[in-house]
Amino acid sequence: MRKFLLLTLIISTAGCSSQDWRSASREPAGIAYAPENFSDAVIEVYAADAYSWRGWFAVHTWIAVKPQDAPEYTVYEVTGWRVKSGLPALREYTTPTPDRYWYGAKPEKVLSVTGEKARALLPKVQEAVARYPWANEYTLFPGPNSNTFPAWVGLQVPELELDMPFTAIGSGYAR
């Protein structure tokens, strides 16, 4: 009975979406520092329940950085569908809102570093991103996948003190 209740709780609270990915929300969650109101440097890692049934068990994670006085964030994330299309798994783009819903799932901040520490660590994070060894690869399990990427950056820049969520399946691949 106990296992059944636990499974019921997991299924009822996980981000399993029955929506089509094309219509699932990608709106900002409102948890990121707005660049127009926050001029200091920012390094953040976000996690949201993975899309569809995968959200029952796992999260998708990504990194967002904003240099001091920058009008936008640069977001770095890894996705498998890019590889299937002949593109690198690692994607970089700029946006004023790095905290968008992940296809219907609201993100949470896993890490938030601001101010002087963020200014000091930002070049190290960017260098680590540039050296990511699996930028053109994606394997759902055991990795490398979307969770391997921030975990690997965290290992390269231990001063971030990044603690990946338990449900970041594939984060251990980076070790």
C-alpha atoms as a PDB file:
ATOM      1  CA  MET A   1       0.000   0.000   0.000  1.00  0.00           C
ATOM      2  CA  ARG A   2       2.834   2.358   0.874  1.00  0.00           C
ATOM      3  CA  LYS A   3       4.479   1.898  -2.547  1.00  0.00           C
ATOM      4  CA  PHE A   4       1.139   2.499  -4.259  1.00  0.00           C
ATOM      5  CA  LEU A   5       0.623   5.754  -2.350  1.00  0.00           C
ATOM      6  CA  LEU A   6       4.147   6.904  -3.188  1.00  0.00           C
ATOM      7  CA  LEU A   7       3.653   6.115  -6.886  1.00  0.00           C
ATOM      8  CA  THR A   8       0.299   7.930  -6.845  1.00  0.00           C
ATOM      9  CA  LEU A   9       1.918  10.965  -5.232  1.00  0.00           C
ATOM     10  CA  ILE A  10       4.746  10.993  -7.773  1.00  0.00           C
ATOM     11  CA  ILE A  11       2.385  10.717 -10.730  1.00  0.00           C
ATOM     12  CA  SER A  12      -0.019  13.348  -9.421  1.00  0.00           C
ATOM     13  CA  THR A  13       2.676  15.922  -8.673  1.00  0.00           C
ATOM     14  CA  ALA A  14       5.082  15.273 -11.545  1.00  0.00           C
ATOM     15  CA  GLY A  15       5.065  17.331 -14.689  1.00  0.00           C
ATOM     16  CA  CYS A  16       3.631  14.733 -17.021  1.00  0.00           C
ATOM     17  CA  SER A  17       1.869  16.718 -19.680  1.00  0.00           C
ATOM     18  CA  SER A  18      -0.869  15.491 -21.961  1.00  0.00           C
ATOM     19  CA  GLN A  19      -0.512  18.636 -24.064  1.00  0.00           C
ATOM     20  CA  ASP A  20       1.014  18.598 -27.493  1.00  0.00           C
ATOM     21  CA  TRP A  21       4.526  20.088 -27.300  1.00  0.00           C
ATOM     22  CA  ARG A  22       3.544  22.735 -29.857  1.00  0.00           C
ATOM     23  CA  SER A  23       0.825  24.136 -27.588  1.00  0.00           C
ATOM     24  CA  ALA A  24       2.530  23.620 -24.197  1.00  0.00           C
ATOM     25  CA  SER A  25       3.429  26.802 -22.336  1.00  0.00           C
ATOM     26  CA  ARG A  26       6.821  28.402 -22.946  1.00  0.00           C
ATOM     27  CA  GLU A  27       5.883  31.590 -21.072  1.00  0.00           C
ATOM     28  CA  PRO A  28       8.289  33.156 -18.556  1.00  0.00           C
ATOM     29  CA  ALA A  29       7.782  31.869 -15.020  1.00  0.00           C
ATOM     30  CA  GLY A  30       8.658  35.241 -13.461  1.00  0.00           C
ATOM     31  CA  ILE A  31      11.446  33.894 -11.244  1.00  0.00           C
ATOM     32  CA  ALA A  32      14.473  35.312 -13.088  1.00  0.00           C
ATOM     33  CA  TYR A  33      15.973  38.730 -12.362  1.00  0.00           C
ATOM     34  CA  ALA A  34      14.642  41.146 -14.985  1.00  0.00           C
ATOM     35  CA  PRO A  35      17.663  42.673 -16.767  1.00  0.00           C
ATOM     36  CA  GLU A  36      16.011  46.096 -16.879  1.00  0.00           C
ATOM     37  CA  ASN A  37      15.660  46.068 -13.069  1.00  0.00           C
ATOM     38  CA  PHE A  38      18.776  44.147 -12.056  1.00  0.00           C
ATOM     39  CA  SER A  39      22.054  45.350 -13.515  1.00  0.00           C
ATOM     40  CA  ASP A  40      24.414  43.027 -11.644  1.00  0.00           C
ATOM     41  CA  ALA A  41      25.911  39.833 -13.082  1.00  0.00           C
ATOM     42  CA  VAL A  42      23.891  36.614 -12.758  1.00  0.00           C
ATOM     43  CA  ILE A  43      24.619  32.904 -13.148  1.00  0.00           C
ATOM     44  CA  GLU A  44      21.624  30.604 -12.721  1.00  0.00           C
ATOM     45  CA  VAL A  45      20.772  26.980 -13.308  1.00  0.00           C
ATOM     46  CA  TYR A  46      17.133  26.019 -13.836  1.00  0.00           C
ATOM     47  CA  ALA A  47      15.340  22.670 -13.718  1.00  0.00           C
ATOM     48  CA  ALA A  48      11.856  21.778 -14.920  1.00  0.00           C
ATOM     49  CA  ASP A  49      10.076  18.467 -15.222  1.00  0.00           C
ATOM     50  CA  ALA A  50      10.987  16.802 -18.498  1.00  0.00           C
ATOM     51  CA  TYR A  51       8.337  16.770 -21.197  1.00  0.00           C
ATOM     52  CA  SER A  52       5.660  14.082 -21.357  1.00  0.00           C
ATOM     53  CA  TRP A  53       6.013  10.830 -19.368  1.00  0.00           C
ATOM     54  CA  ARG A  54       9.683  11.588 -18.690  1.00  0.00           C
ATOM     55  CA  GLY A  55       8.511  14.261 -16.248  1.00  0.00           C
ATOM     56  CA  TRP A  56       7.381  11.519 -13.894  1.00  0.00           C
ATOM     57  CA  PHE A  57      11.008  10.657 -13.271  1.00  0.00           C
ATOM     58  CA  ALA A  58      13.357  13.322 -14.545  1.00  0.00           C
ATOM     59  CA  VAL A  59      14.040  17.005 -15.048  1.00  0.00           C
ATOM     60  CA  HIS A  60      15.567  19.018 -17.872  1.00  0.00           C
ATOM     61  CA  THR A  61      18.209  21.543 -16.747  1.00  0.00           C
ATOM     62  CA  TRP A  62      19.837  24.576 -18.338  1.00  0.00           C
ATOM     63  CA  ILE A  63      22.240  27.410 -17.521  1.00  0.00           C
ATOM     64  CA  ALA A  64      21.558  31.140 -17.877  1.00  0.00           C
ATOM     65  CA  VAL A  65      24.194  33.862 -17.494  1.00  0.00           C
ATOM     66  CA  LYS A  66      24.028  37.636 -17.615  1.00  0.00           C
ATOM     67  CA  PRO A  67      27.107  39.845 -17.413  1.00  0.00           C
ATOM     68  CA  GLN A  68      26.832  43.055 -15.432  1.00  0.00           C
ATOM     69  CA  ASP A  69      24.674  45.663 -17.225  1.00  0.00           C
ATOM     70  CA  ALA A  70      23.746  43.214 -19.998  1.00  0.00           C
ATOM     71  CA  PRO A  71      20.246  43.700 -21.445  1.00  0.00           C
ATOM     72  CA  GLU A  72      19.722  39.934 -21.896  1.00  0.00           C
ATOM     73  CA  TYR A  73      20.746  36.539 -20.613  1.00  0.00           C
ATOM     74  CA  THR A  74      22.640  33.961 -22.599  1.00  0.00           C
ATOM     75  CA  VAL A  75      21.049  30.546 -22.164  1.00  0.00           C
ATOM     76  CA  TYR A  76      22.935  27.298 -22.708  1.00  0.00           C
ATOM     77  CA  GLU A  77      21.053  24.016 -22.936  1.00  0.00           C
ATOM     78  CA  VAL A  78      21.360  20.554 -24.445  1.00  0.00           C
ATOM     79  CA  THR A  79      18.500  18.852 -26.277  1.00  0.00           C
ATOM     80  CA  GLY A  80      18.359  15.583 -28.157  1.00  0.00           C
ATOM     81  CA  TRP A  81      16.066  16.651 -30.968  1.00  0.00           C
ATOM     82  CA  ARG A  82      18.750  19.005 -32.263  1.00  0.00           C
ATOM     83  CA  VAL A  83      21.104  16.051 -32.823  1.00  0.00           C
ATOM     84  CA  LYS A  84      18.383  14.198 -34.728  1.00  0.00           C
ATOM     85  CA  SER A  85      18.197  17.246 -37.015  1.00  0.00           C
ATOM     86  CA  GLY A  86      21.956  17.274 -37.635  1.00  0.00           C
ATOM     87  CA  LEU A  87      22.622  20.182 -35.274  1.00  0.00           C
ATOM     88  CA  PRO A  88      24.800  20.301 -32.141  1.00  0.00           C
ATOM     89  CA  ALA A  89      23.056  19.150 -28.959  1.00  0.00           C
ATOM     90  CA  LEU A  90      24.374  22.257 -27.180  1.00  0.00           C
ATOM     91  CA  ARG A  91      22.373  25.353 -28.013  1.00  0.00           C
ATOM     92  CA  GLU A  92      23.150  28.973 -27.100  1.00  0.00           C
ATOM     93  CA  TYR A  93      20.656  31.822 -27.413  1.00  0.00           C
ATOM     94  CA  THR A  94      19.913  35.194 -25.849  1.00  0.00           C
ATOM     95  CA  THR A  95      16.687  36.194 -24.153  1.00  0.00           C
ATOM     96  CA  PRO A  96      15.472  38.630 -21.485  1.00  0.00           C
ATOM     97  CA  THR A  97      13.581  35.725 -19.856  1.00  0.00           C
ATOM     98  CA  PRO A  98      15.693  32.604 -19.205  1.00  0.00           C
ATOM     99  CA  ASP A  99      13.056  31.120 -16.897  1.00  0.00           C
ATOM    100  CA  ARG A 100      10.520  29.990 -19.482  1.00  0.00           C
ATOM    101  CA  TYR A 101       8.318  27.007 -18.802  1.00  0.00           C
ATOM    102  CA  TRP A 102       9.810  23.833 -20.226  1.00  0.00           C
ATOM    103  CA  TYR A 103       6.925  22.734 -22.453  1.00  0.00           C
ATOM    104  CA  GLY A 104       4.303  23.165 -19.760  1.00  0.00           C
ATOM    105  CA  ALA A 105       6.478  22.557 -16.693  1.00  0.00           C
ATOM    106  CA  LYS A 106       7.347  25.464 -14.420  1.00  0.00           C
ATOM    107  CA  PRO A 107      11.089  25.751 -13.795  1.00  0.00           C
ATOM    108  CA  GLU A 108      12.771  26.119 -10.432  1.00  0.00           C
ATOM    109  CA  LYS A 109      16.116  27.695  -9.677  1.00  0.00           C
ATOM    110  CA  VAL A 110      18.705  25.086  -8.800  1.00  0.00           C
ATOM    111  CA  LEU A 111      21.442  27.693  -8.411  1.00  0.00           C
ATOM    112  CA  SER A 112      21.561  31.482  -8.314  1.00  0.00           C
ATOM    113  CA  VAL A 113      24.818  33.401  -8.074  1.00  0.00           C
ATOM    114  CA  THR A 114      24.838  37.193  -8.354  1.00  0.00           C
ATOM    115  CA  GLY A 115      27.087  40.154  -7.756  1.00  0.00           C
ATOM    116  CA  GLU A 116      30.828  39.995  -7.294  1.00  0.00           C
ATOM    117  CA  LYS A 117      30.931  36.186  -7.190  1.00  0.00           C
ATOM    118  CA  ALA A 118      28.988  35.955 -10.463  1.00  0.00           C
ATOM    119  CA  ARG A 119      31.276  38.532 -12.094  1.00  0.00           C
ATOM    120  CA  ALA A 120      34.327  36.502 -11.035  1.00  0.00           C
ATOM    121  CA  LEU A 121      32.922  33.119 -12.115  1.00  0.00           C
ATOM    122  CA  LEU A 122      31.264  34.160 -15.371  1.00  0.00           C
ATOM    123  CA  PRO A 123      34.433  33.820 -17.528  1.00  0.00           C
ATOM    124  CA  LYS A 124      35.110  30.388 -16.015  1.00  0.00           C
ATOM    125  CA  VAL A 125      31.551  29.253 -16.774  1.00  0.00           C
ATOM    126  CA  GLN A 126      31.783  30.513 -20.347  1.00  0.00           C
ATOM    127  CA  GLU A 127      35.152  28.766 -20.823  1.00  0.00           C
ATOM    128  CA  ALA A 128      33.704  25.522 -19.462  1.00  0.00           C
ATOM    129  CA  VAL A 129      30.708  25.776 -21.804  1.00  0.00           C
ATOM    130  CA  ALA A 130      33.089  26.241 -24.753  1.00  0.00           C
ATOM    131  CA  ARG A 131      34.988  23.077 -23.724  1.00  0.00           C
ATOM    132  CA  TYR A 132      31.941  20.862 -23.146  1.00  0.00           C
ATOM    133  CA  PRO A 133      33.098  17.521 -24.580  1.00  0.00           C
ATOM    134  CA  TRP A 134      29.687  16.173 -25.656  1.00  0.00           C
ATOM    135  CA  ALA A 135      28.345  19.277 -27.445  1.00  0.00           C
ATOM    136  CA  ASN A 136      27.343  17.178 -30.462  1.00  0.00           C
ATOM    137  CA  GLU A 137      26.039  14.118 -28.612  1.00  0.00           C
ATOM    138  CA  TYR A 138      22.866  13.154 -26.788  1.00  0.00           C
ATOM    139  CA  THR A 139      21.812   9.884 -25.202  1.00  0.00           C
ATOM    140  CA  LEU A 140      18.738   9.852 -22.994  1.00  0.00           C
ATOM    141  CA  PHE A 141      20.251   7.335 -20.584  1.00  0.00           C
ATOM    142  CA  PRO A 142      22.851   7.161 -19.123  1.00  0.00           C
ATOM    143  CA  GLY A 143      23.995  10.342 -20.890  1.00  0.00           C
ATOM    144  CA  PRO A 144      25.338  12.619 -22.086  1.00  0.00           C
ATOM    145  CA  ASN A 145      22.073  14.532 -21.963  1.00  0.00           C
ATOM    146  CA  SER A 146      20.614  17.860 -20.794  1.00  0.00           C
ATOM    147  CA  ASN A 147      21.558  17.133 -17.179  1.00  0.00           C
ATOM    148  CA  THR A 148      25.097  16.039 -17.992  1.00  0.00           C
ATOM    149  CA  PHE A 149      25.823  19.530 -19.332  1.00  0.00           C
ATOM    150  CA  PRO A 150      25.261  21.699 -16.206  1.00  0.00           C
ATOM    151  CA  ALA A 151      26.761  18.957 -14.026  1.00  0.00           C
ATOM    152  CA  TRP A 152      29.932  18.995 -16.158  1.00  0.00           C
ATOM    153  CA  VAL A 153      30.130  22.796 -16.001  1.00  0.00           C
ATOM    154  CA  GLY A 154      29.708  22.573 -12.218  1.00  0.00           C
ATOM    155  CA  LEU A 155      32.607  20.128 -12.010  1.00  0.00           C
ATOM    156  CA  GLN A 156      34.801  22.472 -14.079  1.00  0.00           C
ATOM    157  CA  VAL A 157      33.843  25.457 -11.901  1.00  0.00           C
ATOM    158  CA  PRO A 158      33.552  23.977  -8.390  1.00  0.00           C
ATOM    159  CA  GLU A 159      33.243  27.469  -6.881  1.00  0.00           C
ATOM    160  CA  LEU A 160      29.668  27.484  -8.208  1.00  0.00           C
ATOM    161  CA  GLU A 161      28.829  24.824  -5.608  1.00  0.00           C
ATOM    162  CA  LEU A 162      26.246  23.387  -7.993  1.00  0.00           C
ATOM    163  CA  ASP A 163      24.152  20.642  -6.428  1.00  0.00           C
ATOM    164  CA  MET A 164      22.123  18.957  -9.158  1.00  0.00           C
ATOM    165  CA  PRO A 165      18.641  17.655  -8.301  1.00  0.00           C
ATOM    166  CA  PHE A 166      18.235  13.962  -7.580  1.00  0.00           C
ATOM    167  CA  THR A 167      15.965  13.685 -10.630  1.00  0.00           C
ATOM    168  CA  ALA A 168      18.638  15.123 -12.952  1.00  0.00           C
ATOM    169  CA  ILE A 169      19.119  11.742 -14.583  1.00  0.00           C
ATOM    170  CA  GLY A 170      22.366  11.763 -16.561  1.00  0.00           C
ATOM    171  CA  SER A 171      24.151  14.263 -14.320  1.00  0.00           C
ATOM    172  CA  GLY A 172      26.411  11.506 -13.012  1.00  0.00           C
ATOM    173  CA  TYR A 173      27.670  10.844 -16.531  1.00  0.00           C
ATOM    174  CA  ALA A 174      29.882  13.934 -16.190  1.00  0.00           C
ATOM    175  CA  ARG A 175      31.998  12.440 -13.400  1.00  0.00           C
END
